[in-house]
Amino acid sequence: MTTDVAVIAVVAADIHGLANRRLRLHNLRGSSALAYECDVAVILNDKSQAVSKVHLAYDPVRAATFKHQVVFTVEKNRGGQAPLDLEFRKDFASYRFQTRGAFVSDRLVDERLDIE
């Protein structure tokens, strides 16, 4: 902090997190320390896995577009709004994500009482 250097850390998921369709902050190794120490936590999930099965079952054409998108979830933001779900289109041929994203309007896996 005295040298004004930003630190970005990549964290692995624990065994229970790998079994879930959508990764969350509590599914990461050392999640209790992360929840306390970090200023911002961003989790990336494939939208085709993170979206509720309701969207996948009744609209197969739209469900096919989910495979080309990633959900960026701001789990913790010490200086702003959280939780926040944003979606961006993959552009892996250019090693990036499209710069214009949107708020996720579809229901994600754990936004209901019954966990899928």
PDB file of N, CA and C in Angstrom:
ATOM      1  N   MET A   1       0.818  -1.197   0.000  1.00  0.00           N
ATOM      2  CA  MET A   1       0.000   0.000   0.000  1.00  0.00           C
ATOM      3  C   MET A   1       0.859   1.257   0.000  1.00  0.00           C
ATOM      4  N   THR A   2       2.042   1.191   0.560  1.00  0.00           N
ATOM      5  CA  THR A   2       2.896   2.374   0.589  1.00  0.00           C
ATOM      6  C   THR A   2       3.465   2.702  -0.781  1.00  0.00           C
ATOM      7  N   THR A   3       3.541   1.704  -1.675  1.00  0.00           N
ATOM      8  CA  THR A   3       4.078   1.941  -3.016  1.00  0.00           C
ATOM      9  C   THR A   3       2.983   2.093  -4.062  1.00  0.00           C
ATOM     10  N   ASP A   4       1.720   2.086  -3.664  1.00  0.00           N
ATOM     11  CA  ASP A   4       0.575   2.235  -4.566  1.00  0.00           C
ATOM     12  C   ASP A   4       0.580   1.225  -5.714  1.00  0.00           C
ATOM     13  N   VAL A   5       0.835  -0.023  -5.378  1.00  0.00           N
ATOM     14  CA  VAL A   5       0.842  -1.102  -6.367  1.00  0.00           C
ATOM     15  C   VAL A   5      -0.404  -1.949  -6.171  1.00  0.00           C
ATOM     16  N   ALA A   6      -1.128  -2.154  -7.263  1.00  0.00           N
ATOM     17  CA  ALA A   6      -2.312  -3.024  -7.203  1.00  0.00           C
ATOM     18  C   ALA A   6      -1.879  -4.480  -7.236  1.00  0.00           C
ATOM     19  N   VAL A   7      -2.557  -5.302  -6.479  1.00  0.00           N
ATOM     20  CA  VAL A   7      -2.269  -6.738  -6.438  1.00  0.00           C
ATOM     21  C   VAL A   7      -3.489  -7.479  -6.938  1.00  0.00           C
ATOM     22  N   ILE A   8      -3.274  -8.337  -7.935  1.00  0.00           N
ATOM     23  CA  ILE A   8      -4.342  -9.181  -8.461  1.00  0.00           C
ATOM     24  C   ILE A   8      -3.970 -10.617  -8.149  1.00  0.00           C
ATOM     25  N   ALA A   9      -4.867 -11.338  -7.528  1.00  0.00           N
ATOM     26  CA  ALA A   9      -4.606 -12.723  -7.165  1.00  0.00           C
ATOM     27  C   ALA A   9      -5.610 -13.636  -7.854  1.00  0.00           C
ATOM     28  N   VAL A  10      -5.131 -14.766  -8.313  1.00  0.00           N
ATOM     29  CA  VAL A  10      -5.987 -15.793  -8.905  1.00  0.00           C
ATOM     30  C   VAL A  10      -6.104 -16.900  -7.878  1.00  0.00           C
ATOM     31  N   VAL A  11      -7.339 -17.317  -7.606  1.00  0.00           N
ATOM     32  CA  VAL A  11      -7.582 -18.290  -6.549  1.00  0.00           C
ATOM     33  C   VAL A  11      -8.248 -19.527  -7.129  1.00  0.00           C
ATOM     34  N   ALA A  12      -7.876 -20.691  -6.605  1.00  0.00           N
ATOM     35  CA  ALA A  12      -8.458 -21.953  -7.055  1.00  0.00           C
ATOM     36  C   ALA A  12      -9.742 -22.244  -6.298  1.00  0.00           C
ATOM     37  N   ALA A  13     -10.622 -22.983  -6.952  1.00  0.00           N
ATOM     38  CA  ALA A  13     -11.871 -23.417  -6.311  1.00  0.00           C
ATOM     39  C   ALA A  13     -11.605 -24.637  -5.449  1.00  0.00           C
ATOM     40  N   ASP A  14     -12.375 -24.791  -4.376  1.00  0.00           N
ATOM     41  CA  ASP A  14     -12.256 -26.002  -3.570  1.00  0.00           C
ATOM     42  C   ASP A  14     -13.044 -27.141  -4.226  1.00  0.00           C
ATOM     43  N   ILE A  15     -12.987 -28.310  -3.658  1.00  0.00           N
ATOM     44  CA  ILE A  15     -13.602 -29.495  -4.255  1.00  0.00           C
ATOM     45  C   ILE A  15     -15.118 -29.360  -4.369  1.00  0.00           C
ATOM     46  N   HIS A  16     -15.748 -28.715  -3.410  1.00  0.00           N
ATOM     47  CA  HIS A  16     -17.206 -28.522  -3.447  1.00  0.00           C
ATOM     48  C   HIS A  16     -17.594 -27.496  -4.510  1.00  0.00           C
ATOM     49  N   GLY A  17     -16.755 -26.500  -4.703  1.00  0.00           N
ATOM     50  CA  GLY A  17     -17.031 -25.486  -5.714  1.00  0.00           C
ATOM     51  C   GLY A  17     -16.970 -26.041  -7.121  1.00  0.00           C
ATOM     52  N   LEU A  18     -16.085 -26.991  -7.361  1.00  0.00           N
ATOM     53  CA  LEU A  18     -15.979 -27.593  -8.690  1.00  0.00           C
ATOM     54  C   LEU A  18     -17.206 -28.419  -9.044  1.00  0.00           C
ATOM     55  N   ALA A  19     -17.912 -28.904  -8.034  1.00  0.00           N
ATOM     56  CA  ALA A  19     -19.118 -29.706  -8.270  1.00  0.00           C
ATOM     57  C   ALA A  19     -20.341 -28.841  -8.555  1.00  0.00           C
ATOM     58  N   ASN A  20     -20.297 -27.558  -8.211  1.00  0.00           N
ATOM     59  CA  ASN A  20     -21.439 -26.663  -8.423  1.00  0.00           C
ATOM     60  C   ASN A  20     -21.493 -26.165  -9.854  1.00  0.00           C
ATOM     61  N   ARG A  21     -22.689 -25.807 -10.297  1.00  0.00           N
ATOM     62  CA  ARG A  21     -22.840 -25.236 -11.634  1.00  0.00           C
ATOM     63  C   ARG A  21     -22.348 -23.796 -11.683  1.00  0.00           C
ATOM     64  N   ARG A  22     -22.436 -23.095 -10.565  1.00  0.00           N
ATOM     65  CA  ARG A  22     -22.002 -21.696 -10.511  1.00  0.00           C
ATOM     66  C   ARG A  22     -21.064 -21.506  -9.324  1.00  0.00           C
ATOM     67  N   LEU A  23     -19.883 -20.987  -9.598  1.00  0.00           N
ATOM     68  CA  LEU A  23     -18.885 -20.753  -8.577  1.00  0.00           C
ATOM     69  C   LEU A  23     -19.181 -19.446  -7.862  1.00  0.00           C
ATOM     70  N   ARG A  24     -19.070 -19.454  -6.550  1.00  0.00           N
ATOM     71  CA  ARG A  24     -19.285 -18.252  -5.736  1.00  0.00           C
ATOM     72  C   ARG A  24     -18.075 -18.033  -4.836  1.00  0.00           C
ATOM     73  N   LEU A  25     -18.018 -16.924  -4.131  1.00  0.00           N
ATOM     74  CA  LEU A  25     -16.880 -16.582  -3.289  1.00  0.00           C
ATOM     75  C   LEU A  25     -16.636 -17.633  -2.209  1.00  0.00           C
ATOM     76  N   HIS A  26     -17.691 -18.163  -1.626  1.00  0.00           N
ATOM     77  CA  HIS A  26     -17.507 -19.151  -0.555  1.00  0.00           C
ATOM     78  C   HIS A  26     -17.024 -20.500  -1.082  1.00  0.00           C
ATOM     79  N   ASN A  27     -16.965 -20.681  -2.410  1.00  0.00           N
ATOM     80  CA  ASN A  27     -16.463 -21.920  -3.001  1.00  0.00           C
ATOM     81  C   ASN A  27     -14.963 -21.872  -3.289  1.00  0.00           C
ATOM     82  N   LEU A  28     -14.301 -20.789  -2.985  1.00  0.00           N
ATOM     83  CA  LEU A  28     -12.875 -20.651  -3.264  1.00  0.00           C
ATOM     84  C   LEU A  28     -12.039 -21.068  -2.069  1.00  0.00           C
ATOM     85  N   ARG A  29     -10.833 -21.547  -2.347  1.00  0.00           N
ATOM     86  CA  ARG A  29      -9.912 -21.910  -1.259  1.00  0.00           C
ATOM     87  C   ARG A  29      -9.530 -20.654  -0.490  1.00  0.00           C
ATOM     88  N   GLY A  30      -9.589 -20.734   0.826  1.00  0.00           N
ATOM     89  CA  GLY A  30      -9.286 -19.582   1.660  1.00  0.00           C
ATOM     90  C   GLY A  30     -10.353 -18.511   1.596  1.00  0.00           C
ATOM     91  N   SER A  31     -11.605 -18.919   1.388  1.00  0.00           N
ATOM     92  CA  SER A  31     -12.677 -17.942   1.178  1.00  0.00           C
ATOM     93  C   SER A  31     -12.907 -17.030   2.378  1.00  0.00           C
ATOM     94  N   SER A  32     -12.679 -17.519   3.577  1.00  0.00           N
ATOM     95  CA  SER A  32     -12.889 -16.648   4.737  1.00  0.00           C
ATOM     96  C   SER A  32     -11.853 -15.527   4.760  1.00  0.00           C
ATOM     97  N   ALA A  33     -10.617 -15.824   4.394  1.00  0.00           N
ATOM     98  CA  ALA A  33      -9.590 -14.784   4.320  1.00  0.00           C
ATOM     99  C   ALA A  33      -9.872 -13.838   3.151  1.00  0.00           C
ATOM    100  N   LEU A  34     -10.340 -14.390   2.033  1.00  0.00           N
ATOM    101  CA  LEU A  34     -10.674 -13.548   0.881  1.00  0.00           C
ATOM    102  C   LEU A  34     -11.807 -12.585   1.215  1.00  0.00           C
ATOM    103  N   ALA A  35     -12.806 -13.083   1.902  1.00  0.00           N
ATOM    104  CA  ALA A  35     -13.958 -12.252   2.242  1.00  0.00           C
ATOM    105  C   ALA A  35     -13.554 -11.088   3.137  1.00  0.00           C
ATOM    106  N   TYR A  36     -12.512 -11.279   3.925  1.00  0.00           N
ATOM    107  CA  TYR A  36     -12.063 -10.227   4.832  1.00  0.00           C
ATOM    108  C   TYR A  36     -11.028  -9.305   4.177  1.00  0.00           C
ATOM    109  N   GLU A  37     -10.038  -9.885   3.510  1.00  0.00           N
ATOM    110  CA  GLU A  37      -8.881  -9.125   3.044  1.00  0.00           C
ATOM    111  C   GLU A  37      -9.068  -8.365   1.737  1.00  0.00           C
ATOM    112  N   CYS A  38      -9.697  -8.984   0.745  1.00  0.00           N
ATOM    113  CA  CYS A  38      -9.711  -8.362  -0.584  1.00  0.00           C
ATOM    114  C   CYS A  38     -10.675  -7.169  -0.646  1.00  0.00           C
ATOM    115  N   ASP A  39     -10.363  -6.239  -1.523  1.00  0.00           N
ATOM    116  CA  ASP A  39     -11.224  -5.081  -1.737  1.00  0.00           C
ATOM    117  C   ASP A  39     -12.327  -5.390  -2.737  1.00  0.00           C
ATOM    118  N   VAL A  40     -11.985  -6.146  -3.794  1.00  0.00           N
ATOM    119  CA  VAL A  40     -12.949  -6.518  -4.827  1.00  0.00           C
ATOM    120  C   VAL A  40     -12.735  -7.989  -5.171  1.00  0.00           C
ATOM    121  N   ALA A  41     -13.827  -8.732  -5.272  1.00  0.00           N
ATOM    122  CA  ALA A  41     -13.763 -10.133  -5.708  1.00  0.00           C
ATOM    123  C   ALA A  41     -14.672 -10.301  -6.912  1.00  0.00           C
ATOM    124  N   VAL A  42     -14.093 -10.748  -8.018  1.00  0.00           N
ATOM    125  CA  VAL A  42     -14.837 -10.967  -9.259  1.00  0.00           C
ATOM    126  C   VAL A  42     -14.729 -12.446  -9.615  1.00  0.00           C
ATOM    127  N   ILE A  43     -15.873 -13.094  -9.794  1.00  0.00           N
ATOM    128  CA  ILE A  43     -15.927 -14.517 -10.134  1.00  0.00           C
ATOM    129  C   ILE A  43     -16.441 -14.632 -11.566  1.00  0.00           C
ATOM    130  N   LEU A  44     -15.784 -15.467 -12.377  1.00  0.00           N
ATOM    131  CA  LEU A  44     -16.206 -15.691 -13.759  1.00  0.00           C
ATOM    132  C   LEU A  44     -16.840 -17.071 -13.877  1.00  0.00           C
ATOM    133  N   ASN A  45     -17.998 -17.138 -14.526  1.00  0.00           N
ATOM    134  CA  ASN A  45     -18.700 -18.389 -14.782  1.00  0.00           C
ATOM    135  C   ASN A  45     -19.206 -18.401 -16.212  1.00  0.00           C
ATOM    136  N   ASP A  46     -19.185 -19.569 -16.850  1.00  0.00           N
ATOM    137  CA  ASP A  46     -19.828 -19.706 -18.157  1.00  0.00           C
ATOM    138  C   ASP A  46     -21.318 -19.505 -17.973  1.00  0.00           C
ATOM    139  N   LYS A  47     -21.914 -18.682 -18.800  1.00  0.00           N
ATOM    140  CA  LYS A  47     -23.340 -18.394 -18.653  1.00  0.00           C
ATOM    141  C   LYS A  47     -24.190 -19.634 -18.886  1.00  0.00           C
ATOM    142  N   SER A  48     -23.765 -20.529 -19.777  1.00  0.00           N
ATOM    143  CA  SER A  48     -24.538 -21.742 -20.037  1.00  0.00           C
ATOM    144  C   SER A  48     -24.627 -22.632 -18.807  1.00  0.00           C
ATOM    145  N   GLN A  49     -23.654 -22.543 -17.902  1.00  0.00           N
ATOM    146  CA  GLN A  49     -23.685 -23.312 -16.663  1.00  0.00           C
ATOM    147  C   GLN A  49     -24.351 -22.544 -15.527  1.00  0.00           C
ATOM    148  N   ALA A  50     -24.212 -21.224 -15.525  1.00  0.00           N
ATOM    149  CA  ALA A  50     -24.695 -20.411 -14.408  1.00  0.00           C
ATOM    150  C   ALA A  50     -26.172 -20.063 -14.498  1.00  0.00           C
ATOM    151  N   VAL A  51     -26.751 -20.125 -15.693  1.00  0.00           N
ATOM    152  CA  VAL A  51     -28.144 -19.733 -15.864  1.00  0.00           C
ATOM    153  C   VAL A  51     -29.070 -20.861 -15.394  1.00  0.00           C
ATOM    154  N   SER A  52     -30.237 -20.492 -14.925  1.00  0.00           N
ATOM    155  CA  SER A  52     -31.213 -21.466 -14.449  1.00  0.00           C
ATOM    156  C   SER A  52     -31.658 -22.382 -15.580  1.00  0.00           C
ATOM    157  N   LYS A  53     -31.963 -23.607 -15.248  1.00  0.00           N
ATOM    158  CA  LYS A  53     -32.386 -24.588 -16.247  1.00  0.00           C
ATOM    159  C   LYS A  53     -33.692 -24.203 -16.927  1.00  0.00           C
ATOM    160  N   VAL A  54     -34.473 -23.339 -16.328  1.00  0.00           N
ATOM    161  CA  VAL A  54     -35.719 -22.878 -16.928  1.00  0.00           C
ATOM    162  C   VAL A  54     -35.446 -22.224 -18.277  1.00  0.00           C
ATOM    163  N   HIS A  55     -34.390 -21.426 -18.352  1.00  0.00           N
ATOM    164  CA  HIS A  55     -34.046 -20.752 -19.601  1.00  0.00           C
ATOM    165  C   HIS A  55     -33.499 -21.728 -20.640  1.00  0.00           C
ATOM    166  N   LEU A  56     -32.852 -22.775 -20.180  1.00  0.00           N
ATOM    167  CA  LEU A  56     -32.266 -23.744 -21.094  1.00  0.00           C
ATOM    168  C   LEU A  56     -33.315 -24.673 -21.694  1.00  0.00           C
ATOM    169  N   ALA A  57     -34.359 -24.979 -20.927  1.00  0.00           N
ATOM    170  CA  ALA A  57     -35.335 -25.974 -21.365  1.00  0.00           C
ATOM    171  C   ALA A  57     -36.359 -25.427 -22.355  1.00  0.00           C
ATOM    172  N   TYR A  58     -36.771 -24.192 -22.202  1.00  0.00           N
ATOM    173  CA  TYR A  58     -37.890 -23.672 -22.985  1.00  0.00           C
ATOM    174  C   TYR A  58     -37.492 -22.807 -24.174  1.00  0.00           C
ATOM    175  N   ASP A  59     -36.231 -22.491 -24.323  1.00  0.00           N
ATOM    176  CA  ASP A  59     -35.786 -21.680 -25.453  1.00  0.00           C
ATOM    177  C   ASP A  59     -34.414 -22.169 -25.915  1.00  0.00           C
ATOM    178  N   PRO A  60     -34.360 -23.261 -26.678  1.00  0.00           N
ATOM    179  CA  PRO A  60     -33.072 -23.835 -27.065  1.00  0.00           C
ATOM    180  C   PRO A  60     -32.228 -22.926 -27.960  1.00  0.00           C
ATOM    181  N   VAL A  61     -32.856 -22.064 -28.742  1.00  0.00           N
ATOM    182  CA  VAL A  61     -32.099 -21.144 -29.594  1.00  0.00           C
ATOM    183  C   VAL A  61     -31.360 -20.124 -28.730  1.00  0.00           C
ATOM    184  N   ARG A  62     -32.055 -19.578 -27.758  1.00  0.00           N
ATOM    185  CA  ARG A  62     -31.426 -18.613 -26.851  1.00  0.00           C
ATOM    186  C   ARG A  62     -30.386 -19.292 -25.968  1.00  0.00           C
ATOM    187  N   ALA A  63     -30.663 -20.536 -25.575  1.00  0.00           N
ATOM    188  CA  ALA A  63     -29.721 -21.284 -24.752  1.00  0.00           C
ATOM    189  C   ALA A  63     -28.405 -21.500 -25.485  1.00  0.00           C
ATOM    190  N   ALA A  64     -28.456 -21.631 -26.795  1.00  0.00           N
ATOM    191  CA  ALA A  64     -27.231 -21.796 -27.579  1.00  0.00           C
ATOM    192  C   ALA A  64     -26.367 -20.540 -27.524  1.00  0.00           C
ATOM    193  N   THR A  65     -26.980 -19.377 -27.393  1.00  0.00           N
ATOM    194  CA  THR A  65     -26.200 -18.131 -27.309  1.00  0.00           C
ATOM    195  C   THR A  65     -25.490 -18.005 -25.958  1.00  0.00           C
ATOM    196  N   PHE A  66     -26.003 -18.683 -24.929  1.00  0.00           N
ATOM    197  CA  PHE A  66     -25.372 -18.615 -23.611  1.00  0.00           C
ATOM    198  C   PHE A  66     -23.969 -19.217 -23.625  1.00  0.00           C
ATOM    199  N   LYS A  67     -23.692 -20.119 -24.557  1.00  0.00           N
ATOM    200  CA  LYS A  67     -22.369 -20.748 -24.626  1.00  0.00           C
ATOM    201  C   LYS A  67     -21.290 -19.759 -25.055  1.00  0.00           C
ATOM    202  N   HIS A  68     -21.694 -18.634 -25.584  1.00  0.00           N
ATOM    203  CA  HIS A  68     -20.747 -17.625 -26.054  1.00  0.00           C
ATOM    204  C   HIS A  68     -20.613 -16.462 -25.081  1.00  0.00           C
ATOM    205  N   GLN A  69     -21.160 -16.621 -23.867  1.00  0.00           N
ATOM    206  CA  GLN A  69     -21.135 -15.533 -22.893  1.00  0.00           C
ATOM    207  C   GLN A  69     -20.562 -16.011 -21.559  1.00  0.00           C
ATOM    208  N   VAL A  70     -20.020 -15.052 -20.815  1.00  0.00           N
ATOM    209  CA  VAL A  70     -19.471 -15.297 -19.492  1.00  0.00           C
ATOM    210  C   VAL A  70     -20.134 -14.339 -18.513  1.00  0.00           C
ATOM    211  N   VAL A  71     -20.453 -14.831 -17.333  1.00  0.00           N
ATOM    212  CA  VAL A  71     -21.030 -14.000 -16.271  1.00  0.00           C
ATOM    213  C   VAL A  71     -19.895 -13.563 -15.343  1.00  0.00           C
ATOM    214  N   PHE A  72     -19.710 -12.254 -15.224  1.00  0.00           N
ATOM    215  CA  PHE A  72     -18.764 -11.670 -14.278  1.00  0.00           C
ATOM    216  C   PHE A  72     -19.582 -11.268 -13.056  1.00  0.00           C
ATOM    217  N   THR A  73     -19.363 -11.913 -11.934  1.00  0.00           N
ATOM    218  CA  THR A  73     -20.089 -11.586 -10.713  1.00  0.00           C
ATOM    219  C   THR A  73     -19.161 -10.847  -9.757  1.00  0.00           C
ATOM    220  N   VAL A  74     -19.522  -9.616  -9.417  1.00  0.00           N
ATOM    221  CA  VAL A  74     -18.779  -8.870  -8.406  1.00  0.00           C
ATOM    222  C   VAL A  74     -19.358  -9.309  -7.060  1.00  0.00           C
ATOM    223  N   GLU A  75     -18.651 -10.207  -6.405  1.00  0.00           N
ATOM    224  CA  GLU A  75     -19.118 -10.777  -5.137  1.00  0.00           C
ATOM    225  C   GLU A  75     -18.914  -9.821  -3.966  1.00  0.00           C
ATOM    226  N   LYS A  76     -17.794  -9.116  -4.017  1.00  0.00           N
ATOM    227  CA  LYS A  76     -17.482  -8.186  -2.934  1.00  0.00           C
ATOM    228  C   LYS A  76     -16.872  -6.943  -3.549  1.00  0.00           C
ATOM    229  N   ASN A  77     -17.308  -5.787  -3.064  1.00  0.00           N
ATOM    230  CA  ASN A  77     -16.766  -4.523  -3.534  1.00  0.00           C
ATOM    231  C   ASN A  77     -16.759  -3.579  -2.348  1.00  0.00           C
ATOM    232  N   ARG A  78     -15.617  -3.447  -1.739  1.00  0.00           N
ATOM    233  CA  ARG A  78     -15.503  -2.644  -0.520  1.00  0.00           C
ATOM    234  C   ARG A  78     -15.918  -1.196  -0.745  1.00  0.00           C
ATOM    235  N   GLY A  79     -15.714  -0.686  -1.963  1.00  0.00           N
ATOM    236  CA  GLY A  79     -16.020   0.710  -2.221  1.00  0.00           C
ATOM    237  C   GLY A  79     -17.248   0.933  -3.082  1.00  0.00           C
ATOM    238  N   GLY A  80     -18.091  -0.096  -3.272  1.00  0.00           N
ATOM    239  CA  GLY A  80     -19.237   0.104  -4.146  1.00  0.00           C
ATOM    240  C   GLY A  80     -20.250  -1.015  -4.054  1.00  0.00           C
ATOM    241  N   GLN A  81     -21.036  -1.141  -5.094  1.00  0.00           N
ATOM    242  CA  GLN A  81     -22.165  -2.072  -5.108  1.00  0.00           C
ATOM    243  C   GLN A  81     -21.709  -3.521  -5.287  1.00  0.00           C
ATOM    244  N   ALA A  82     -22.355  -4.414  -4.573  1.00  0.00           N
ATOM    245  CA  ALA A  82     -22.157  -5.864  -4.711  1.00  0.00           C
ATOM    246  C   ALA A  82     -23.358  -6.540  -4.063  1.00  0.00           C
ATOM    247  N   PRO A  83     -23.766  -7.686  -4.439  1.00  0.00           N
ATOM    248  CA  PRO A  83     -23.347  -8.457  -5.596  1.00  0.00           C
ATOM    249  C   PRO A  83     -23.919  -7.877  -6.882  1.00  0.00           C
ATOM    250  N   LEU A  84     -23.182  -8.053  -7.951  1.00  0.00           N
ATOM    251  CA  LEU A  84     -23.542  -7.486  -9.234  1.00  0.00           C
ATOM    252  C   LEU A  84     -23.173  -8.493 -10.321  1.00  0.00           C
ATOM    253  N   ASP A  85     -24.133  -8.830 -11.185  1.00  0.00           N
ATOM    254  CA  ASP A  85     -23.897  -9.806 -12.247  1.00  0.00           C
ATOM    255  C   ASP A  85     -23.891  -9.107 -13.602  1.00  0.00           C
ATOM    256  N   LEU A  86     -22.782  -9.243 -14.316  1.00  0.00           N
ATOM    257  CA  LEU A  86     -22.624  -8.666 -15.642  1.00  0.00           C
ATOM    258  C   LEU A  86     -22.306  -9.783 -16.624  1.00  0.00           C
ATOM    259  N   GLU A  87     -22.737  -9.615 -17.879  1.00  0.00           N
ATOM    260  CA  GLU A  87     -22.419 -10.621 -18.892  1.00  0.00           C
ATOM    261  C   GLU A  87     -21.647  -9.984 -20.029  1.00  0.00           C
ATOM    262  N   PHE A  88     -20.651 -10.727 -20.506  1.00  0.00           N
ATOM    263  CA  PHE A  88     -19.833 -10.289 -21.619  1.00  0.00           C
ATOM    264  C   PHE A  88     -19.706 -11.433 -22.612  1.00  0.00           C
ATOM    265  N   ARG A  89     -19.612 -11.086 -23.867  1.00  0.00           N
ATOM    266  CA  ARG A  89     -19.464 -12.080 -24.926  1.00  0.00           C
ATOM    267  C   ARG A  89     -17.992 -12.472 -25.047  1.00  0.00           C
ATOM    268  N   LYS A  90     -17.745 -13.758 -25.231  1.00  0.00           N
ATOM    269  CA  LYS A  90     -16.389 -14.259 -25.415  1.00  0.00           C
ATOM    270  C   LYS A  90     -15.870 -13.871 -26.797  1.00  0.00           C
ATOM    271  N   ASP A  91     -14.614 -13.494 -26.851  1.00  0.00           N
ATOM    272  CA  ASP A  91     -13.914 -13.271 -28.110  1.00  0.00           C
ATOM    273  C   ASP A  91     -12.537 -13.905 -27.953  1.00  0.00           C
ATOM    274  N   PHE A  92     -12.528 -15.218 -27.737  1.00  0.00           N
ATOM    275  CA  PHE A  92     -11.288 -15.907 -27.420  1.00  0.00           C
ATOM    276  C   PHE A  92     -10.355 -16.035 -28.620  1.00  0.00           C
ATOM    277  N   ALA A  93     -10.865 -15.854 -29.832  1.00  0.00           N
ATOM    278  CA  ALA A  93      -9.984 -15.834 -31.004  1.00  0.00           C
ATOM    279  C   ALA A  93      -9.016 -14.659 -30.911  1.00  0.00           C
ATOM    280  N   SER A  94      -9.444 -13.592 -30.242  1.00  0.00           N
ATOM    281  CA  SER A  94      -8.596 -12.415 -30.021  1.00  0.00           C
ATOM    282  C   SER A  94      -8.090 -12.347 -28.581  1.00  0.00           C
ATOM    283  N   TYR A  95      -8.273 -13.434 -27.809  1.00  0.00           N
ATOM    284  CA  TYR A  95      -7.792 -13.522 -26.419  1.00  0.00           C
ATOM    285  C   TYR A  95      -8.395 -12.443 -25.518  1.00  0.00           C
ATOM    286  N   ARG A  96      -9.699 -12.247 -25.637  1.00  0.00           N
ATOM    287  CA  ARG A  96     -10.338 -11.196 -24.846  1.00  0.00           C
ATOM    288  C   ARG A  96     -11.830 -11.453 -24.730  1.00  0.00           C
ATOM    289  N   PHE A  97     -12.489 -10.566 -24.008  1.00  0.00           N
ATOM    290  CA  PHE A  97     -13.944 -10.498 -23.955  1.00  0.00           C
ATOM    291  C   PHE A  97     -14.373  -9.233 -24.688  1.00  0.00           C
ATOM    292  N   GLN A  98     -15.566  -9.226 -25.245  1.00  0.00           N
ATOM    293  CA  GLN A  98     -16.082  -8.006 -25.864  1.00  0.00           C
ATOM    294  C   GLN A  98     -16.169  -6.928 -24.793  1.00  0.00           C
ATOM    295  N   THR A  99     -15.886  -5.711 -25.158  1.00  0.00           N
ATOM    296  CA  THR A  99     -15.831  -4.631 -24.166  1.00  0.00           C
ATOM    297  C   THR A  99     -17.204  -4.141 -23.737  1.00  0.00           C
ATOM    298  N   ARG A 100     -18.205  -4.346 -24.572  1.00  0.00           N
ATOM    299  CA  ARG A 100     -19.561  -3.914 -24.207  1.00  0.00           C
ATOM    300  C   ARG A 100     -20.315  -5.091 -23.605  1.00  0.00           C
ATOM    301  N   GLY A 101     -20.667  -4.932 -22.352  1.00  0.00           N
ATOM    302  CA  GLY A 101     -21.417  -5.963 -21.654  1.00  0.00           C
ATOM    303  C   GLY A 101     -22.793  -5.458 -21.274  1.00  0.00           C
ATOM    304  N   ALA A 102     -23.457  -6.232 -20.443  1.00  0.00           N
ATOM    305  CA  ALA A 102     -24.795  -5.855 -19.979  1.00  0.00           C
ATOM    306  C   ALA A 102     -25.029  -6.492 -18.614  1.00  0.00           C
ATOM    307  N   PHE A 103     -26.032  -5.989 -17.930  1.00  0.00           N
ATOM    308  CA  PHE A 103     -26.450  -6.635 -16.698  1.00  0.00           C
ATOM    309  C   PHE A 103     -27.159  -7.938 -17.054  1.00  0.00           C
ATOM    310  N   VAL A 104     -26.966  -8.951 -16.250  1.00  0.00           N
ATOM    311  CA  VAL A 104     -27.624 -10.236 -16.504  1.00  0.00           C
ATOM    312  C   VAL A 104     -29.105 -10.085 -16.211  1.00  0.00           C
ATOM    313  N   SER A 105     -29.934 -10.374 -17.208  1.00  0.00           N
ATOM    314  CA  SER A 105     -31.381 -10.262 -17.024  1.00  0.00           C
ATOM    315  C   SER A 105     -32.026 -11.625 -16.778  1.00  0.00           C
ATOM    316  N   ASP A 106     -31.282 -12.692 -17.012  1.00  0.00           N
ATOM    317  CA  ASP A 106     -31.809 -14.039 -16.819  1.00  0.00           C
ATOM    318  C   ASP A 106     -31.596 -14.487 -15.379  1.00  0.00           C
ATOM    319  N   ARG A 107     -32.443 -15.386 -14.947  1.00  0.00           N
ATOM    320  CA  ARG A 107     -32.317 -15.920 -13.591  1.00  0.00           C
ATOM    321  C   ARG A 107     -31.133 -16.869 -13.552  1.00  0.00           C
ATOM    322  N   LEU A 108     -30.265 -16.670 -12.567  1.00  0.00           N
ATOM    323  CA  LEU A 108     -29.109 -17.533 -12.410  1.00  0.00           C
ATOM    324  C   LEU A 108     -29.423 -18.658 -11.430  1.00  0.00           C
ATOM    325  N   VAL A 109     -28.541 -19.621 -11.336  1.00  0.00           N
ATOM    326  CA  VAL A 109     -28.812 -20.864 -10.622  1.00  0.00           C
ATOM    327  C   VAL A 109     -29.280 -20.670  -9.192  1.00  0.00           C
ATOM    328  N   ASP A 110     -28.576 -19.904  -8.376  1.00  0.00           N
ATOM    329  CA  ASP A 110     -28.902 -19.838  -6.962  1.00  0.00           C
ATOM    330  C   ASP A 110     -29.738 -18.630  -6.566  1.00  0.00           C
ATOM    331  N   GLU A 111     -30.531 -18.089  -7.459  1.00  0.00           N
ATOM    332  CA  GLU A 111     -31.382 -16.954  -7.129  1.00  0.00           C
ATOM    333  C   GLU A 111     -32.779 -17.383  -6.708  1.00  0.00           C
ATOM    334  N   ARG A 112     -32.979 -18.676  -6.519  1.00  0.00           N
ATOM    335  CA  ARG A 112     -34.264 -19.181  -6.067  1.00  0.00           C
ATOM    336  C   ARG A 112     -34.060 -19.981  -4.789  1.00  0.00           C
ATOM    337  N   LEU A 113     -35.130 -20.339  -4.131  1.00  0.00           N
ATOM    338  CA  LEU A 113     -35.014 -21.118  -2.918  1.00  0.00           C
ATOM    339  C   LEU A 113     -34.520 -22.527  -3.180  1.00  0.00           C
ATOM    340  N   ASP A 114     -34.970 -23.131  -4.264  1.00  0.00           N
ATOM    341  CA  ASP A 114     -34.510 -24.483  -4.572  1.00  0.00           C
ATOM    342  C   ASP A 114     -33.224 -24.403  -5.389  1.00  0.00           C
ATOM    343  N   ILE A 115     -32.175 -24.973  -4.844  1.00  0.00           N
ATOM    344  CA  ILE A 115     -30.880 -24.965  -5.506  1.00  0.00           C
ATOM    345  C   ILE A 115     -30.884 -26.055  -6.563  1.00  0.00           C
ATOM    346  N   GLU A 116     -30.495 -25.697  -7.787  1.00  0.00           N
ATOM    347  CA  GLU A 116     -30.505 -26.669  -8.884  1.00  0.00           C
ATOM    348  C   GLU A 116     -29.254 -27.509  -8.841  1.00  0.00           C
TER     349      GLU A 116
END
